[in-house]
Amino acid sequence: MMRTRSKQDSPYHLASPTATRSALKIRLDILEAVRDEGAVNPTRMILLANLSHDRLVKYVGELVCQGLLMEDTDGTSRSYALTRNGLDFIHQVEEMESFVASFGLRM
């Protein structure tokens, strides 16, 4: 059974309603959502990463081409899973965020 999160509970939710996410942060939110949930269908990713369908299609296509996500199509259903490179990417960005934070800055 899938646990339902509200937007406020979601770790991918923006702290401020007026804040905008960088393209890197959007990619990271998608990858972290897939890492945390396991294989995820596009509808679930839209909810978890707080994206429109058009933006999700754009970013997921890029992430698949870059080898960070793997697409699995079974008949009419589609799901995405994190690759080893995707997990490495998350770890590298987290290290970079930590390094930047050590100077009192945010990414």
N, C-alpha and C. Protein backbone atom coordinates (compact mmCIF):
# COMPACT_ATOMS: atom_id res chain seq x y z
N MET A 1 0.84 -1.18 0.00
CA MET A 1 0.00 0.00 0.00
C MET A 1 0.88 1.24 0.00
N MET A 2 0.60 2.18 -0.89
CA MET A 2 1.40 3.39 -0.98
C MET A 2 0.93 4.39 0.07
N ARG A 3 1.90 5.00 0.70
CA ARG A 3 1.63 6.05 1.67
C ARG A 3 1.41 7.35 0.91
N THR A 4 0.36 8.07 1.25
CA THR A 4 0.07 9.33 0.59
C THR A 4 0.66 10.47 1.41
N ARG A 5 1.38 11.35 0.74
CA ARG A 5 1.97 12.51 1.41
C ARG A 5 1.23 13.76 0.99
N SER A 6 1.09 14.66 1.94
CA SER A 6 0.60 15.98 1.55
C SER A 6 1.79 16.78 1.03
N LYS A 7 1.53 17.88 0.34
CA LYS A 7 2.63 18.69 -0.19
C LYS A 7 3.51 19.20 0.93
N GLN A 8 2.93 19.49 2.10
CA GLN A 8 3.74 19.99 3.21
C GLN A 8 4.66 18.91 3.76
N ASP A 9 4.26 17.64 3.70
CA ASP A 9 5.08 16.53 4.18
C ASP A 9 6.17 16.16 3.20
N SER A 10 6.01 16.53 1.96
CA SER A 10 6.93 16.11 0.92
C SER A 10 8.28 16.79 1.07
N PRO A 11 9.37 16.01 1.04
CA PRO A 11 10.69 16.63 1.10
C PRO A 11 11.03 17.39 -0.17
N TYR A 12 10.21 17.26 -1.21
CA TYR A 12 10.46 17.91 -2.47
C TYR A 12 9.70 19.23 -2.59
N HIS A 13 8.91 19.55 -1.56
CA HIS A 13 8.07 20.75 -1.57
C HIS A 13 8.93 21.99 -1.33
N LEU A 14 8.63 23.05 -2.05
CA LEU A 14 9.37 24.31 -1.89
C LEU A 14 9.09 24.93 -0.53
N ALA A 15 10.10 25.50 0.07
CA ALA A 15 9.95 26.14 1.37
C ALA A 15 9.07 27.38 1.27
N SER A 16 9.17 28.10 0.21
CA SER A 16 8.42 29.33 0.03
C SER A 16 7.57 29.21 -1.24
N PRO A 17 6.31 29.63 -1.17
CA PRO A 17 5.47 29.52 -2.37
C PRO A 17 5.97 30.36 -3.53
N THR A 18 6.79 31.37 -3.28
CA THR A 18 7.30 32.21 -4.35
C THR A 18 8.67 31.76 -4.84
N ALA A 19 9.27 30.80 -4.18
CA ALA A 19 10.59 30.32 -4.58
C ALA A 19 10.49 29.55 -5.89
N THR A 20 11.51 29.68 -6.73
CA THR A 20 11.56 28.91 -7.96
C THR A 20 12.72 27.93 -7.87
N ARG A 21 12.55 26.79 -8.50
CA ARG A 21 13.59 25.78 -8.48
C ARG A 21 14.44 25.90 -9.73
N SER A 22 15.71 25.65 -9.54
CA SER A 22 16.62 25.59 -10.69
C SER A 22 16.37 24.27 -11.43
N ALA A 23 16.87 24.20 -12.63
CA ALA A 23 16.75 22.96 -13.40
C ALA A 23 17.45 21.82 -12.67
N LEU A 24 18.57 22.12 -12.02
CA LEU A 24 19.28 21.08 -11.25
C LEU A 24 18.40 20.58 -10.11
N LYS A 25 17.75 21.50 -9.39
CA LYS A 25 16.90 21.12 -8.26
C LYS A 25 15.70 20.31 -8.73
N ILE A 26 15.14 20.65 -9.87
CA ILE A 26 14.02 19.87 -10.41
C ILE A 26 14.47 18.45 -10.73
N ARG A 27 15.62 18.33 -11.38
CA ARG A 27 16.16 16.99 -11.69
C ARG A 27 16.40 16.21 -10.41
N LEU A 28 16.98 16.87 -9.42
CA LEU A 28 17.26 16.21 -8.15
C LEU A 28 15.97 15.78 -7.46
N ASP A 29 14.94 16.61 -7.49
CA ASP A 29 13.66 16.25 -6.88
C ASP A 29 13.06 15.01 -7.54
N ILE A 30 13.16 14.92 -8.86
CA ILE A 30 12.65 13.75 -9.57
C ILE A 30 13.43 12.51 -9.16
N LEU A 31 14.75 12.61 -9.18
CA LEU A 31 15.59 11.46 -8.83
C LEU A 31 15.37 11.02 -7.39
N GLU A 32 15.26 11.97 -6.47
CA GLU A 32 15.03 11.63 -5.07
C GLU A 32 13.67 10.99 -4.87
N ALA A 33 12.67 11.44 -5.60
CA ALA A 33 11.33 10.85 -5.52
C ALA A 33 11.38 9.39 -5.95
N VAL A 34 12.08 9.12 -7.04
CA VAL A 34 12.20 7.74 -7.53
C VAL A 34 13.02 6.91 -6.55
N ARG A 35 14.09 7.48 -6.01
CA ARG A 35 14.90 6.75 -5.02
C ARG A 35 14.05 6.39 -3.80
N ASP A 36 13.27 7.32 -3.30
CA ASP A 36 12.50 7.11 -2.08
C ASP A 36 11.31 6.19 -2.27
N GLU A 37 10.71 6.19 -3.46
CA GLU A 37 9.49 5.42 -3.72
C GLU A 37 9.74 4.10 -4.44
N GLY A 38 10.91 3.93 -5.04
CA GLY A 38 11.14 2.76 -5.88
C GLY A 38 10.63 3.06 -7.28
N ALA A 39 10.32 2.04 -8.05
CA ALA A 39 9.82 2.25 -9.41
C ALA A 39 8.52 3.06 -9.34
N VAL A 40 8.47 4.14 -10.11
CA VAL A 40 7.37 5.10 -10.01
C VAL A 40 6.78 5.35 -11.39
N ASN A 41 5.46 5.44 -11.46
CA ASN A 41 4.82 5.79 -12.72
C ASN A 41 4.80 7.31 -12.86
N PRO A 42 4.57 7.82 -14.07
CA PRO A 42 4.61 9.27 -14.30
C PRO A 42 3.64 10.07 -13.42
N THR A 43 2.45 9.55 -13.21
CA THR A 43 1.48 10.28 -12.39
C THR A 43 1.99 10.47 -10.97
N ARG A 44 2.57 9.44 -10.42
CA ARG A 44 3.11 9.53 -9.05
C ARG A 44 4.28 10.52 -9.02
N MET A 45 5.11 10.50 -10.06
CA MET A 45 6.24 11.44 -10.12
C MET A 45 5.76 12.88 -10.18
N ILE A 46 4.68 13.13 -10.91
CA ILE A 46 4.13 14.49 -10.99
C ILE A 46 3.76 14.97 -9.60
N LEU A 47 3.13 14.11 -8.83
CA LEU A 47 2.72 14.48 -7.47
C LEU A 47 3.92 14.67 -6.54
N LEU A 48 4.84 13.74 -6.58
CA LEU A 48 5.99 13.79 -5.67
C LEU A 48 6.94 14.94 -5.97
N ALA A 49 7.18 15.20 -7.25
CA ALA A 49 8.14 16.24 -7.62
C ALA A 49 7.46 17.59 -7.88
N ASN A 50 6.14 17.64 -7.74
CA ASN A 50 5.38 18.88 -7.90
C ASN A 50 5.67 19.55 -9.25
N LEU A 51 5.41 18.80 -10.32
CA LEU A 51 5.65 19.28 -11.68
C LEU A 51 4.41 19.13 -12.53
N SER A 52 4.33 19.94 -13.57
CA SER A 52 3.29 19.75 -14.57
C SER A 52 3.70 18.56 -15.44
N HIS A 53 2.73 18.03 -16.17
CA HIS A 53 3.02 16.88 -17.05
C HIS A 53 4.06 17.26 -18.10
N ASP A 54 3.91 18.42 -18.71
CA ASP A 54 4.85 18.84 -19.76
C ASP A 54 6.28 18.94 -19.23
N ARG A 55 6.44 19.53 -18.07
CA ARG A 55 7.79 19.67 -17.50
C ARG A 55 8.35 18.30 -17.11
N LEU A 56 7.48 17.43 -16.57
CA LEU A 56 7.95 16.10 -16.20
C LEU A 56 8.45 15.35 -17.43
N VAL A 57 7.69 15.39 -18.51
CA VAL A 57 8.09 14.70 -19.74
C VAL A 57 9.45 15.19 -20.21
N LYS A 58 9.65 16.50 -20.19
CA LYS A 58 10.92 17.07 -20.61
C LYS A 58 12.08 16.57 -19.74
N TYR A 59 11.93 16.70 -18.44
CA TYR A 59 13.04 16.34 -17.53
C TYR A 59 13.27 14.83 -17.46
N VAL A 60 12.21 14.05 -17.44
CA VAL A 60 12.38 12.59 -17.38
C VAL A 60 13.04 12.09 -18.67
N GLY A 61 12.65 12.65 -19.80
CA GLY A 61 13.31 12.27 -21.06
C GLY A 61 14.81 12.53 -21.01
N GLU A 62 15.18 13.69 -20.48
CA GLU A 62 16.61 14.02 -20.34
C GLU A 62 17.31 13.06 -19.38
N LEU A 63 16.66 12.76 -18.26
CA LEU A 63 17.27 11.88 -17.26
C LEU A 63 17.45 10.46 -17.78
N VAL A 64 16.51 10.00 -18.60
CA VAL A 64 16.64 8.67 -19.22
C VAL A 64 17.80 8.69 -20.22
N CYS A 65 17.86 9.72 -21.06
CA CYS A 65 18.94 9.83 -22.05
C CYS A 65 20.32 9.92 -21.39
N GLN A 66 20.36 10.55 -20.23
CA GLN A 66 21.63 10.70 -19.51
C GLN A 66 22.00 9.46 -18.70
N GLY A 67 21.11 8.46 -18.67
CA GLY A 67 21.39 7.23 -17.96
C GLY A 67 21.18 7.32 -16.45
N LEU A 68 20.41 8.32 -16.00
CA LEU A 68 20.17 8.47 -14.57
C LEU A 68 18.87 7.80 -14.14
N LEU A 69 17.94 7.65 -15.08
CA LEU A 69 16.70 6.90 -14.86
C LEU A 69 16.59 5.84 -15.94
N MET A 70 15.89 4.76 -15.59
CA MET A 70 15.63 3.68 -16.54
C MET A 70 14.12 3.56 -16.71
N GLU A 71 13.68 3.53 -17.96
CA GLU A 71 12.25 3.41 -18.26
C GLU A 71 11.89 1.95 -18.44
N ASP A 72 10.78 1.53 -17.83
CA ASP A 72 10.29 0.17 -17.99
C ASP A 72 8.86 0.25 -18.51
N THR A 73 8.63 -0.29 -19.69
CA THR A 73 7.30 -0.29 -20.29
C THR A 73 6.77 -1.71 -20.29
N ASP A 74 5.58 -1.86 -19.71
CA ASP A 74 4.94 -3.17 -19.65
C ASP A 74 3.54 -3.02 -20.23
N GLY A 75 3.40 -3.29 -21.50
CA GLY A 75 2.11 -3.10 -22.15
C GLY A 75 1.78 -1.62 -22.25
N THR A 76 0.75 -1.20 -21.55
CA THR A 76 0.35 0.21 -21.59
C THR A 76 0.87 1.01 -20.40
N SER A 77 1.44 0.34 -19.41
CA SER A 77 1.94 1.06 -18.23
C SER A 77 3.44 1.33 -18.37
N ARG A 78 3.84 2.40 -17.75
CA ARG A 78 5.24 2.82 -17.81
C ARG A 78 5.68 3.18 -16.40
N SER A 79 6.90 2.81 -16.05
CA SER A 79 7.45 3.21 -14.76
C SER A 79 8.93 3.53 -14.94
N TYR A 80 9.46 4.22 -13.95
CA TYR A 80 10.86 4.64 -14.00
C TYR A 80 11.55 4.21 -12.72
N ALA A 81 12.79 3.77 -12.87
CA ALA A 81 13.60 3.37 -11.73
C ALA A 81 14.93 4.09 -11.80
N LEU A 82 15.54 4.24 -10.67
CA LEU A 82 16.83 4.91 -10.56
C LEU A 82 17.94 3.96 -10.98
N THR A 83 18.87 4.44 -11.77
CA THR A 83 20.03 3.64 -12.14
C THR A 83 21.14 3.88 -11.11
N ARG A 84 22.19 3.11 -11.21
CA ARG A 84 23.35 3.31 -10.33
C ARG A 84 23.93 4.72 -10.55
N ASN A 85 23.98 5.14 -11.80
CA ASN A 85 24.47 6.50 -12.10
C ASN A 85 23.56 7.56 -11.49
N GLY A 86 22.26 7.30 -11.48
CA GLY A 86 21.31 8.23 -10.87
C GLY A 86 21.55 8.36 -9.38
N LEU A 87 21.80 7.23 -8.72
CA LEU A 87 22.10 7.25 -7.29
C LEU A 87 23.42 7.97 -7.02
N ASP A 88 24.42 7.73 -7.85
CA ASP A 88 25.69 8.44 -7.71
C ASP A 88 25.52 9.94 -7.90
N PHE A 89 24.67 10.32 -8.87
CA PHE A 89 24.40 11.73 -9.12
C PHE A 89 23.79 12.39 -7.87
N ILE A 90 22.81 11.73 -7.27
CA ILE A 90 22.20 12.26 -6.04
C ILE A 90 23.25 12.47 -4.97
N HIS A 91 24.11 11.47 -4.77
CA HIS A 91 25.15 11.59 -3.73
C HIS A 91 26.11 12.73 -4.02
N GLN A 92 26.49 12.89 -5.28
CA GLN A 92 27.41 13.97 -5.64
C GLN A 92 26.78 15.35 -5.41
N VAL A 93 25.53 15.50 -5.77
CA VAL A 93 24.86 16.79 -5.57
C VAL A 93 24.69 17.06 -4.07
N GLU A 94 24.38 16.02 -3.29
CA GLU A 94 24.26 16.21 -1.84
C GLU A 94 25.60 16.65 -1.23
N GLU A 95 26.69 16.07 -1.71
CA GLU A 95 28.02 16.49 -1.24
C GLU A 95 28.30 17.94 -1.62
N MET A 96 27.92 18.31 -2.84
CA MET A 96 28.12 19.68 -3.31
C MET A 96 27.28 20.65 -2.47
N GLU A 97 26.03 20.29 -2.18
CA GLU A 97 25.18 21.14 -1.34
C GLU A 97 25.77 21.31 0.05
N SER A 98 26.32 20.23 0.59
CA SER A 98 26.95 20.29 1.91
C SER A 98 28.18 21.20 1.89
N PHE A 99 28.97 21.09 0.85
CA PHE A 99 30.16 21.94 0.71
C PHE A 99 29.76 23.41 0.61
N VAL A 100 28.78 23.71 -0.21
CA VAL A 100 28.31 25.09 -0.37
C VAL A 100 27.74 25.61 0.96
N ALA A 101 27.00 24.76 1.66
CA ALA A 101 26.41 25.16 2.95
C ALA A 101 27.48 25.46 3.99
N SER A 102 28.65 24.82 3.87
CA SER A 102 29.72 25.08 4.84
C SER A 102 30.23 26.52 4.76
N PHE A 103 29.89 27.20 3.68
CA PHE A 103 30.25 28.61 3.51
C PHE A 103 29.05 29.52 3.80
N GLY A 104 27.98 28.92 4.32
CA GLY A 104 26.79 29.69 4.64
C GLY A 104 25.96 30.06 3.43
N LEU A 105 26.12 29.32 2.35
CA LEU A 105 25.40 29.59 1.11
C LEU A 105 24.42 28.46 0.83
N ARG A 106 23.46 28.75 -0.07
CA ARG A 106 22.49 27.74 -0.52
C ARG A 106 22.56 27.61 -2.02
N MET A 107 22.24 26.43 -2.49
CA MET A 107 22.18 26.21 -3.94
C MET A 107 20.76 26.42 -4.41
